[in-house]
Amino acid sequence: MTTYSKEIEQNDFVDKIVKALKKHRTPKHSLEIEVTESILMSDIENSIDKLRQLHDVGVSIAIDDFGTGYSSLSLLRKLPINRLKIDRSFIQDMEQGADRSIIEAIAHMAKGLKLEMIAEGVEQEYQLRYLRQLKCPIVQGFIFSQGVPSDEAIQFVRSTTEMIKQQKIKA
């Protein structure tokens, strides 16, 4: 779930999420809130407090488009987050030396802070190979599939899961 600044600014933001999880009988740990750096910076203390409340009940928190905003590294240490998502712009331009250096720095920082790293916008095999070398456990992008309607997405996940199970059995 991607969070927008108007949503997180609402006083009942945390209550709405917790109530929705209860209403739909969804385990709290199965929800991940993605927050961009710019949202965090609009009202830092209030945002941190709300994210900490969600984190404390088991909701996972990710910073989306990491590296494109203006947050400080000292703020990053204070946030109750689980993941950093590398913005697709760095992945798309990774053949340039500066972008590779940024990706590597984010990877080392995530590892040092014990955060999981996600790379967005992976479209080419060389990008995937490079991210695997950096031990990036999760990638998103068109290398796997273009956007599809929900019913096709469900079938894609089922067939991929079955394929993975078959490969593990053979190994």
N, C-alpha and C. Protein backbone atom coordinates (compact mmCIF):
# COMPACT_ATOMS: atom_id res chain seq x y z
N MET A 1 0.85 -1.17 0.00
CA MET A 1 0.00 0.00 0.00
C MET A 1 0.90 1.23 0.00
N THR A 2 0.74 2.08 -0.98
CA THR A 2 1.49 3.32 -1.02
C THR A 2 0.70 4.39 -0.29
N THR A 3 1.40 5.12 0.58
CA THR A 3 0.75 6.14 1.39
C THR A 3 1.01 7.51 0.78
N TYR A 4 -0.03 8.33 0.76
CA TYR A 4 0.08 9.68 0.24
C TYR A 4 0.05 10.67 1.39
N SER A 5 0.62 11.85 1.18
CA SER A 5 0.79 12.81 2.27
C SER A 5 -0.53 13.16 2.95
N LYS A 6 -1.60 13.30 2.23
CA LYS A 6 -2.89 13.64 2.84
C LYS A 6 -3.36 12.55 3.78
N GLU A 7 -3.07 11.29 3.45
CA GLU A 7 -3.50 10.18 4.30
C GLU A 7 -2.75 10.15 5.62
N ILE A 8 -1.44 10.24 5.56
CA ILE A 8 -0.65 10.14 6.79
C ILE A 8 -0.85 11.36 7.69
N GLU A 9 -1.26 12.47 7.13
CA GLU A 9 -1.52 13.68 7.92
C GLU A 9 -2.81 13.58 8.72
N GLN A 10 -3.70 12.68 8.35
CA GLN A 10 -4.97 12.54 9.06
C GLN A 10 -4.73 12.01 10.48
N ASN A 11 -5.43 12.58 11.43
CA ASN A 11 -5.26 12.19 12.84
C ASN A 11 -5.58 10.72 13.08
N ASP A 12 -6.55 10.18 12.34
CA ASP A 12 -6.97 8.80 12.56
C ASP A 12 -6.32 7.81 11.57
N PHE A 13 -5.20 8.19 10.99
CA PHE A 13 -4.51 7.37 9.99
C PHE A 13 -4.23 5.95 10.53
N VAL A 14 -3.61 5.86 11.69
CA VAL A 14 -3.26 4.56 12.26
C VAL A 14 -4.52 3.77 12.60
N ASP A 15 -5.48 4.43 13.22
CA ASP A 15 -6.73 3.73 13.59
C ASP A 15 -7.44 3.17 12.36
N LYS A 16 -7.49 3.93 11.27
CA LYS A 16 -8.15 3.46 10.05
C LYS A 16 -7.48 2.19 9.52
N ILE A 17 -6.17 2.16 9.54
CA ILE A 17 -5.46 0.99 9.02
C ILE A 17 -5.69 -0.22 9.91
N VAL A 18 -5.57 -0.03 11.21
CA VAL A 18 -5.78 -1.14 12.14
C VAL A 18 -7.21 -1.67 12.04
N LYS A 19 -8.19 -0.76 11.95
CA LYS A 19 -9.59 -1.19 11.82
C LYS A 19 -9.82 -1.94 10.51
N ALA A 20 -9.22 -1.47 9.42
CA ALA A 20 -9.38 -2.15 8.12
C ALA A 20 -8.77 -3.55 8.16
N LEU A 21 -7.63 -3.68 8.82
CA LEU A 21 -7.01 -5.01 8.95
C LEU A 21 -7.92 -5.96 9.73
N LYS A 22 -8.50 -5.45 10.82
CA LYS A 22 -9.41 -6.28 11.62
C LYS A 22 -10.66 -6.64 10.83
N LYS A 23 -11.23 -5.63 10.16
CA LYS A 23 -12.47 -5.85 9.40
C LYS A 23 -12.28 -6.94 8.35
N HIS A 24 -11.14 -6.93 7.67
CA HIS A 24 -10.90 -7.88 6.59
C HIS A 24 -10.12 -9.11 7.06
N ARG A 25 -9.93 -9.21 8.38
CA ARG A 25 -9.23 -10.35 8.99
C ARG A 25 -7.88 -10.59 8.32
N THR A 26 -7.16 -9.51 8.13
CA THR A 26 -5.86 -9.57 7.49
C THR A 26 -4.77 -9.50 8.57
N PRO A 27 -3.84 -10.43 8.55
CA PRO A 27 -2.75 -10.36 9.53
C PRO A 27 -1.94 -9.07 9.34
N LYS A 28 -1.63 -8.41 10.42
CA LYS A 28 -0.93 -7.12 10.34
C LYS A 28 0.41 -7.24 9.63
N HIS A 29 1.10 -8.35 9.83
CA HIS A 29 2.42 -8.52 9.21
C HIS A 29 2.34 -8.69 7.69
N SER A 30 1.15 -8.91 7.15
CA SER A 30 1.03 -9.08 5.70
C SER A 30 0.84 -7.75 4.96
N LEU A 31 0.75 -6.66 5.72
CA LEU A 31 0.61 -5.34 5.11
C LEU A 31 1.94 -4.60 5.16
N GLU A 32 2.30 -4.01 4.04
CA GLU A 32 3.47 -3.14 4.01
C GLU A 32 3.04 -1.76 3.52
N ILE A 33 3.40 -0.75 4.28
CA ILE A 33 3.12 0.64 3.92
C ILE A 33 4.37 1.20 3.26
N GLU A 34 4.22 1.77 2.08
CA GLU A 34 5.33 2.42 1.39
C GLU A 34 5.17 3.93 1.54
N VAL A 35 6.21 4.57 2.03
CA VAL A 35 6.19 6.01 2.25
C VAL A 35 7.36 6.62 1.52
N THR A 36 7.11 7.66 0.75
CA THR A 36 8.20 8.34 0.07
C THR A 36 8.91 9.29 1.02
N GLU A 37 10.15 9.61 0.71
CA GLU A 37 10.92 10.53 1.54
C GLU A 37 10.22 11.88 1.66
N SER A 38 9.63 12.36 0.59
CA SER A 38 8.99 13.68 0.62
C SER A 38 7.82 13.73 1.59
N ILE A 39 7.08 12.62 1.72
CA ILE A 39 5.98 12.57 2.69
C ILE A 39 6.54 12.67 4.10
N LEU A 40 7.61 11.95 4.36
CA LEU A 40 8.21 11.98 5.69
C LEU A 40 8.67 13.39 6.07
N MET A 41 9.21 14.08 5.11
CA MET A 41 9.79 15.39 5.39
C MET A 41 8.74 16.47 5.63
N SER A 42 7.49 16.23 5.21
CA SER A 42 6.46 17.26 5.37
C SER A 42 6.12 17.50 6.84
N ASP A 43 6.14 16.46 7.67
CA ASP A 43 5.89 16.59 9.11
C ASP A 43 6.60 15.43 9.78
N ILE A 44 7.90 15.58 9.96
CA ILE A 44 8.77 14.48 10.37
C ILE A 44 8.31 13.82 11.67
N GLU A 45 8.15 14.60 12.72
CA GLU A 45 7.84 14.01 14.03
C GLU A 45 6.50 13.27 14.03
N ASN A 46 5.50 13.88 13.42
CA ASN A 46 4.17 13.25 13.33
C ASN A 46 4.24 11.97 12.51
N SER A 47 4.96 12.01 11.38
CA SER A 47 5.09 10.84 10.52
C SER A 47 5.80 9.71 11.24
N ILE A 48 6.89 10.03 11.92
CA ILE A 48 7.65 9.01 12.65
C ILE A 48 6.77 8.36 13.71
N ASP A 49 6.02 9.18 14.44
CA ASP A 49 5.14 8.66 15.48
C ASP A 49 4.11 7.68 14.91
N LYS A 50 3.47 8.06 13.82
CA LYS A 50 2.45 7.19 13.23
C LYS A 50 3.06 5.91 12.66
N LEU A 51 4.20 6.05 12.01
CA LEU A 51 4.84 4.85 11.46
C LEU A 51 5.32 3.93 12.57
N ARG A 52 5.81 4.49 13.66
CA ARG A 52 6.23 3.68 14.80
C ARG A 52 5.04 2.90 15.38
N GLN A 53 3.89 3.56 15.48
CA GLN A 53 2.69 2.88 15.98
C GLN A 53 2.33 1.69 15.09
N LEU A 54 2.37 1.91 13.78
CA LEU A 54 2.06 0.81 12.86
C LEU A 54 3.11 -0.29 12.94
N HIS A 55 4.36 0.10 13.00
CA HIS A 55 5.45 -0.87 13.09
C HIS A 55 5.32 -1.70 14.36
N ASP A 56 4.95 -1.05 15.46
CA ASP A 56 4.82 -1.73 16.75
C ASP A 56 3.71 -2.79 16.76
N VAL A 57 2.68 -2.61 15.90
CA VAL A 57 1.62 -3.62 15.84
C VAL A 57 1.91 -4.69 14.78
N GLY A 58 3.03 -4.54 14.04
CA GLY A 58 3.42 -5.58 13.10
C GLY A 58 3.34 -5.22 11.63
N VAL A 59 2.91 -4.01 11.30
CA VAL A 59 2.85 -3.59 9.90
C VAL A 59 4.28 -3.27 9.44
N SER A 60 4.64 -3.72 8.25
CA SER A 60 5.96 -3.47 7.69
C SER A 60 5.98 -2.09 7.02
N ILE A 61 7.10 -1.39 7.13
CA ILE A 61 7.23 -0.04 6.57
C ILE A 61 8.41 -0.01 5.60
N ALA A 62 8.19 0.55 4.42
CA ALA A 62 9.25 0.70 3.42
C ALA A 62 9.35 2.16 3.00
N ILE A 63 10.57 2.60 2.73
CA ILE A 63 10.75 3.93 2.14
C ILE A 63 10.85 3.72 0.64
N ASP A 64 9.89 4.27 -0.07
CA ASP A 64 9.81 4.14 -1.53
C ASP A 64 10.63 5.24 -2.18
N ASP A 65 11.14 4.98 -3.37
CA ASP A 65 11.91 5.94 -4.16
C ASP A 65 13.10 6.46 -3.38
N PHE A 66 13.74 5.57 -2.61
CA PHE A 66 14.85 6.00 -1.78
C PHE A 66 15.97 6.58 -2.64
N GLY A 67 16.52 7.67 -2.17
CA GLY A 67 17.62 8.33 -2.85
C GLY A 67 17.19 9.50 -3.70
N THR A 68 15.89 9.73 -3.83
CA THR A 68 15.42 10.83 -4.67
C THR A 68 14.94 12.03 -3.85
N GLY A 69 14.82 11.86 -2.55
CA GLY A 69 14.32 12.93 -1.69
C GLY A 69 15.45 13.63 -0.97
N TYR A 70 15.10 14.25 0.13
CA TYR A 70 16.06 15.06 0.85
C TYR A 70 16.22 14.65 2.30
N SER A 71 15.87 13.43 2.62
CA SER A 71 15.96 13.03 4.03
C SER A 71 17.42 12.88 4.43
N SER A 72 17.68 13.11 5.70
CA SER A 72 19.04 12.99 6.20
C SER A 72 19.28 11.57 6.70
N LEU A 73 20.53 11.19 6.77
CA LEU A 73 20.87 9.86 7.24
C LEU A 73 20.55 9.73 8.73
N SER A 74 20.64 10.80 9.49
CA SER A 74 20.29 10.72 10.91
C SER A 74 18.80 10.44 11.07
N LEU A 75 17.98 10.97 10.18
CA LEU A 75 16.55 10.68 10.22
C LEU A 75 16.30 9.21 9.88
N LEU A 76 17.04 8.69 8.93
CA LEU A 76 16.88 7.30 8.52
C LEU A 76 17.06 6.35 9.70
N ARG A 77 17.99 6.66 10.58
CA ARG A 77 18.22 5.81 11.76
C ARG A 77 17.03 5.81 12.71
N LYS A 78 16.26 6.89 12.73
CA LYS A 78 15.15 7.02 13.67
C LYS A 78 13.87 6.36 13.18
N LEU A 79 13.78 6.12 11.89
CA LEU A 79 12.54 5.61 11.31
C LEU A 79 12.33 4.13 11.60
N PRO A 80 11.11 3.75 11.92
CA PRO A 80 10.80 2.33 12.15
C PRO A 80 10.51 1.62 10.83
N ILE A 81 11.56 1.43 10.02
CA ILE A 81 11.35 0.87 8.68
C ILE A 81 11.98 -0.51 8.57
N ASN A 82 11.49 -1.26 7.58
CA ASN A 82 11.98 -2.61 7.31
C ASN A 82 12.74 -2.69 5.99
N ARG A 83 12.38 -1.81 5.04
CA ARG A 83 12.93 -1.91 3.69
C ARG A 83 13.25 -0.54 3.09
N LEU A 84 14.24 -0.56 2.20
CA LEU A 84 14.53 0.60 1.35
C LEU A 84 14.28 0.17 -0.08
N LYS A 85 13.53 0.97 -0.81
CA LYS A 85 13.27 0.68 -2.21
C LYS A 85 14.08 1.65 -3.06
N ILE A 86 15.00 1.11 -3.83
CA ILE A 86 15.83 1.94 -4.70
C ILE A 86 14.99 2.41 -5.87
N ASP A 87 14.98 3.69 -6.09
CA ASP A 87 14.18 4.26 -7.16
C ASP A 87 14.63 3.73 -8.52
N ARG A 88 13.66 3.54 -9.37
CA ARG A 88 13.92 2.98 -10.70
C ARG A 88 14.87 3.83 -11.54
N SER A 89 14.92 5.13 -11.27
CA SER A 89 15.80 6.00 -12.06
C SER A 89 17.26 5.58 -11.92
N PHE A 90 17.67 5.10 -10.74
CA PHE A 90 19.04 4.64 -10.56
C PHE A 90 19.28 3.33 -11.30
N ILE A 91 18.26 2.47 -11.31
CA ILE A 91 18.39 1.18 -12.00
C ILE A 91 18.45 1.40 -13.51
N GLN A 92 17.62 2.29 -14.01
CA GLN A 92 17.57 2.55 -15.45
C GLN A 92 18.89 3.12 -15.97
N ASP A 93 19.57 3.91 -15.15
CA ASP A 93 20.81 4.55 -15.58
C ASP A 93 22.04 3.91 -14.95
N MET A 94 21.93 2.66 -14.55
CA MET A 94 23.02 2.03 -13.80
C MET A 94 24.30 1.83 -14.61
N GLU A 95 24.22 1.94 -15.92
CA GLU A 95 25.44 1.81 -16.72
C GLU A 95 26.37 2.98 -16.49
N GLN A 96 25.82 4.09 -16.00
CA GLN A 96 26.66 5.24 -15.66
C GLN A 96 27.32 4.96 -14.32
N GLY A 97 28.58 5.29 -14.19
CA GLY A 97 29.34 5.00 -12.98
C GLY A 97 28.74 5.59 -11.73
N ALA A 98 28.22 6.80 -11.79
CA ALA A 98 27.69 7.46 -10.60
C ALA A 98 26.47 6.71 -10.06
N ASP A 99 25.59 6.26 -10.94
CA ASP A 99 24.39 5.55 -10.49
C ASP A 99 24.75 4.20 -9.88
N ARG A 100 25.73 3.52 -10.44
CA ARG A 100 26.18 2.25 -9.84
C ARG A 100 26.73 2.51 -8.44
N SER A 101 27.46 3.58 -8.29
CA SER A 101 28.01 3.91 -6.96
C SER A 101 26.89 4.20 -5.97
N ILE A 102 25.85 4.87 -6.41
CA ILE A 102 24.71 5.16 -5.53
C ILE A 102 24.01 3.87 -5.14
N ILE A 103 23.79 2.98 -6.10
CA ILE A 103 23.15 1.70 -5.81
C ILE A 103 23.97 0.91 -4.80
N GLU A 104 25.29 0.86 -5.02
CA GLU A 104 26.16 0.13 -4.10
C GLU A 104 26.13 0.76 -2.70
N ALA A 105 26.12 2.09 -2.63
CA ALA A 105 26.06 2.77 -1.34
C ALA A 105 24.76 2.45 -0.61
N ILE A 106 23.65 2.46 -1.34
CA ILE A 106 22.36 2.13 -0.73
C ILE A 106 22.36 0.68 -0.25
N ALA A 107 22.93 -0.21 -1.05
CA ALA A 107 23.00 -1.63 -0.67
C ALA A 107 23.80 -1.81 0.62
N HIS A 108 24.95 -1.15 0.71
CA HIS A 108 25.78 -1.27 1.91
C HIS A 108 25.10 -0.63 3.12
N MET A 109 24.44 0.49 2.89
CA MET A 109 23.73 1.17 3.97
C MET A 109 22.58 0.29 4.47
N ALA A 110 21.81 -0.28 3.56
CA ALA A 110 20.70 -1.16 3.95
C ALA A 110 21.21 -2.33 4.77
N LYS A 111 22.29 -2.93 4.31
CA LYS A 111 22.87 -4.07 5.04
C LYS A 111 23.30 -3.63 6.43
N GLY A 112 23.99 -2.50 6.53
CA GLY A 112 24.47 -2.01 7.82
C GLY A 112 23.34 -1.67 8.78
N LEU A 113 22.22 -1.20 8.24
CA LEU A 113 21.07 -0.84 9.08
C LEU A 113 20.12 -2.02 9.27
N LYS A 114 20.51 -3.17 8.72
CA LYS A 114 19.70 -4.39 8.79
C LYS A 114 18.31 -4.20 8.16
N LEU A 115 18.32 -3.55 7.00
CA LEU A 115 17.09 -3.32 6.24
C LEU A 115 17.15 -4.14 4.96
N GLU A 116 16.00 -4.60 4.54
CA GLU A 116 15.92 -5.31 3.27
C GLU A 116 15.93 -4.28 2.14
N MET A 117 16.51 -4.65 1.02
CA MET A 117 16.59 -3.74 -0.12
C MET A 117 15.72 -4.28 -1.26
N ILE A 118 15.01 -3.38 -1.89
CA ILE A 118 14.19 -3.70 -3.05
C ILE A 118 14.62 -2.77 -4.18
N ALA A 119 14.78 -3.30 -5.37
CA ALA A 119 15.12 -2.49 -6.54
C ALA A 119 13.92 -2.43 -7.47
N GLU A 120 13.54 -1.22 -7.82
CA GLU A 120 12.40 -1.01 -8.72
C GLU A 120 12.90 -0.78 -10.14
N GLY A 121 12.09 -1.15 -11.12
CA GLY A 121 12.37 -0.81 -12.50
C GLY A 121 13.37 -1.71 -13.19
N VAL A 122 13.51 -2.95 -12.76
CA VAL A 122 14.44 -3.88 -13.39
C VAL A 122 13.82 -4.38 -14.68
N GLU A 123 14.50 -4.11 -15.78
CA GLU A 123 13.97 -4.49 -17.09
C GLU A 123 14.93 -5.34 -17.90
N GLN A 124 16.21 -5.31 -17.56
CA GLN A 124 17.22 -6.00 -18.36
C GLN A 124 17.94 -7.06 -17.53
N GLU A 125 18.39 -8.11 -18.21
CA GLU A 125 19.09 -9.20 -17.54
C GLU A 125 20.35 -8.72 -16.83
N TYR A 126 21.12 -7.80 -17.43
CA TYR A 126 22.34 -7.32 -16.78
C TYR A 126 22.03 -6.58 -15.48
N GLN A 127 20.89 -5.91 -15.42
CA GLN A 127 20.49 -5.23 -14.18
C GLN A 127 20.21 -6.26 -13.09
N LEU A 128 19.50 -7.30 -13.46
CA LEU A 128 19.18 -8.36 -12.51
C LEU A 128 20.45 -9.04 -12.00
N ARG A 129 21.38 -9.36 -12.91
CA ARG A 129 22.64 -10.00 -12.50
C ARG A 129 23.41 -9.10 -11.54
N TYR A 130 23.49 -7.82 -11.84
CA TYR A 130 24.22 -6.88 -10.99
C TYR A 130 23.59 -6.79 -9.60
N LEU A 131 22.27 -6.71 -9.54
CA LEU A 131 21.57 -6.62 -8.26
C LEU A 131 21.73 -7.91 -7.45
N ARG A 132 21.77 -9.04 -8.14
CA ARG A 132 22.02 -10.31 -7.44
C ARG A 132 23.42 -10.32 -6.83
N GLN A 133 24.40 -9.77 -7.56
CA GLN A 133 25.76 -9.68 -7.02
C GLN A 133 25.79 -8.84 -5.75
N LEU A 134 24.93 -7.83 -5.68
CA LEU A 134 24.85 -6.98 -4.50
C LEU A 134 23.99 -7.59 -3.40
N LYS A 135 23.48 -8.80 -3.65
CA LYS A 135 22.63 -9.51 -2.69
C LYS A 135 21.31 -8.78 -2.43
N CYS A 136 20.77 -8.18 -3.49
CA CYS A 136 19.46 -7.53 -3.40
C CYS A 136 18.41 -8.64 -3.51
N PRO A 137 17.66 -8.90 -2.42
CA PRO A 137 16.76 -10.05 -2.41
C PRO A 137 15.47 -9.89 -3.19
N ILE A 138 15.04 -8.64 -3.43
CA ILE A 138 13.76 -8.42 -4.09
C ILE A 138 13.93 -7.41 -5.21
N VAL A 139 13.43 -7.74 -6.38
CA VAL A 139 13.44 -6.81 -7.50
C VAL A 139 12.03 -6.74 -8.09
N GLN A 140 11.71 -5.59 -8.63
CA GLN A 140 10.42 -5.39 -9.28
C GLN A 140 10.71 -4.83 -10.67
N GLY A 141 9.90 -5.23 -11.64
CA GLY A 141 10.07 -4.63 -12.95
C GLY A 141 9.54 -5.47 -14.08
N PHE A 142 9.62 -4.90 -15.25
CA PHE A 142 9.08 -5.52 -16.44
C PHE A 142 9.90 -6.73 -16.90
N ILE A 143 11.05 -6.99 -16.29
CA ILE A 143 11.80 -8.18 -16.65
C ILE A 143 10.97 -9.43 -16.36
N PHE A 144 10.07 -9.32 -15.39
CA PHE A 144 9.21 -10.44 -15.02
C PHE A 144 7.88 -10.38 -15.75
N SER A 145 7.29 -9.20 -15.82
CA SER A 145 5.98 -9.07 -16.45
C SER A 145 5.62 -7.60 -16.59
N GLN A 146 4.93 -7.29 -17.64
CA GLN A 146 4.30 -5.97 -17.77
C GLN A 146 3.12 -5.95 -16.80
N GLY A 147 2.55 -4.80 -16.57
CA GLY A 147 1.36 -4.72 -15.73
C GLY A 147 0.23 -5.54 -16.34
N VAL A 148 -0.50 -6.26 -15.48
CA VAL A 148 -1.60 -7.10 -15.94
C VAL A 148 -2.81 -6.91 -15.04
N PRO A 149 -4.01 -7.22 -15.55
CA PRO A 149 -5.20 -7.16 -14.70
C PRO A 149 -5.08 -8.14 -13.53
N SER A 150 -5.84 -7.89 -12.47
CA SER A 150 -5.71 -8.68 -11.23
C SER A 150 -5.91 -10.18 -11.44
N ASP A 151 -6.88 -10.58 -12.26
CA ASP A 151 -7.10 -12.02 -12.46
C ASP A 151 -5.91 -12.67 -13.14
N GLU A 152 -5.26 -11.96 -14.07
CA GLU A 152 -4.06 -12.50 -14.71
C GLU A 152 -2.89 -12.51 -13.74
N ALA A 153 -2.83 -11.53 -12.86
CA ALA A 153 -1.75 -11.48 -11.86
C ALA A 153 -1.85 -12.68 -10.92
N ILE A 154 -3.05 -13.01 -10.52
CA ILE A 154 -3.25 -14.17 -9.62
C ILE A 154 -2.79 -15.44 -10.32
N GLN A 155 -3.16 -15.62 -11.57
CA GLN A 155 -2.75 -16.81 -12.32
C GLN A 155 -1.22 -16.83 -12.50
N PHE A 156 -0.61 -15.67 -12.74
CA PHE A 156 0.84 -15.56 -12.89
C PHE A 156 1.53 -16.01 -11.60
N VAL A 157 1.05 -15.54 -10.45
CA VAL A 157 1.64 -15.91 -9.17
C VAL A 157 1.48 -17.41 -8.92
N ARG A 158 0.32 -17.95 -9.21
CA ARG A 158 0.10 -19.39 -9.01
C ARG A 158 1.03 -20.22 -9.88
N SER A 159 1.15 -19.87 -11.14
CA SER A 159 2.01 -20.66 -12.04
C SER A 159 3.48 -20.50 -11.66
N THR A 160 3.89 -19.31 -11.25
CA THR A 160 5.28 -19.09 -10.84
C THR A 160 5.58 -19.86 -9.56
N THR A 161 4.65 -19.85 -8.61
CA THR A 161 4.83 -20.59 -7.36
C THR A 161 4.96 -22.08 -7.65
N GLU A 162 4.13 -22.60 -8.54
CA GLU A 162 4.20 -24.02 -8.90
C GLU A 162 5.54 -24.34 -9.55
N MET A 163 6.00 -23.47 -10.42
CA MET A 163 7.28 -23.68 -11.09
C MET A 163 8.42 -23.70 -10.07
N ILE A 164 8.38 -22.81 -9.10
CA ILE A 164 9.42 -22.77 -8.06
C ILE A 164 9.39 -24.05 -7.24
N LYS A 165 8.20 -24.51 -6.88
CA LYS A 165 8.08 -25.76 -6.12
C LYS A 165 8.68 -26.93 -6.88
N GLN A 166 8.41 -27.01 -8.18
CA GLN A 166 8.94 -28.09 -9.00
C GLN A 166 10.45 -28.04 -9.08
N GLN A 167 11.01 -26.86 -9.17
CA GLN A 167 12.47 -26.71 -9.23
C GLN A 167 13.10 -27.14 -7.91
N LYS A 168 12.48 -26.84 -6.79
CA LYS A 168 13.03 -27.22 -5.49
C LYS A 168 12.96 -28.73 -5.30
N ILE A 169 11.93 -29.33 -5.82
CA ILE A 169 11.82 -30.79 -5.71
C ILE A 169 12.92 -31.47 -6.51
N LYS A 170 13.24 -30.96 -7.70
CA LYS A 170 14.26 -31.55 -8.55
C LYS A 170 15.66 -31.36 -7.97
N ALA A 171 15.88 -30.29 -7.21
CA ALA A 171 17.22 -29.97 -6.71
C ALA A 171 17.72 -30.94 -5.68
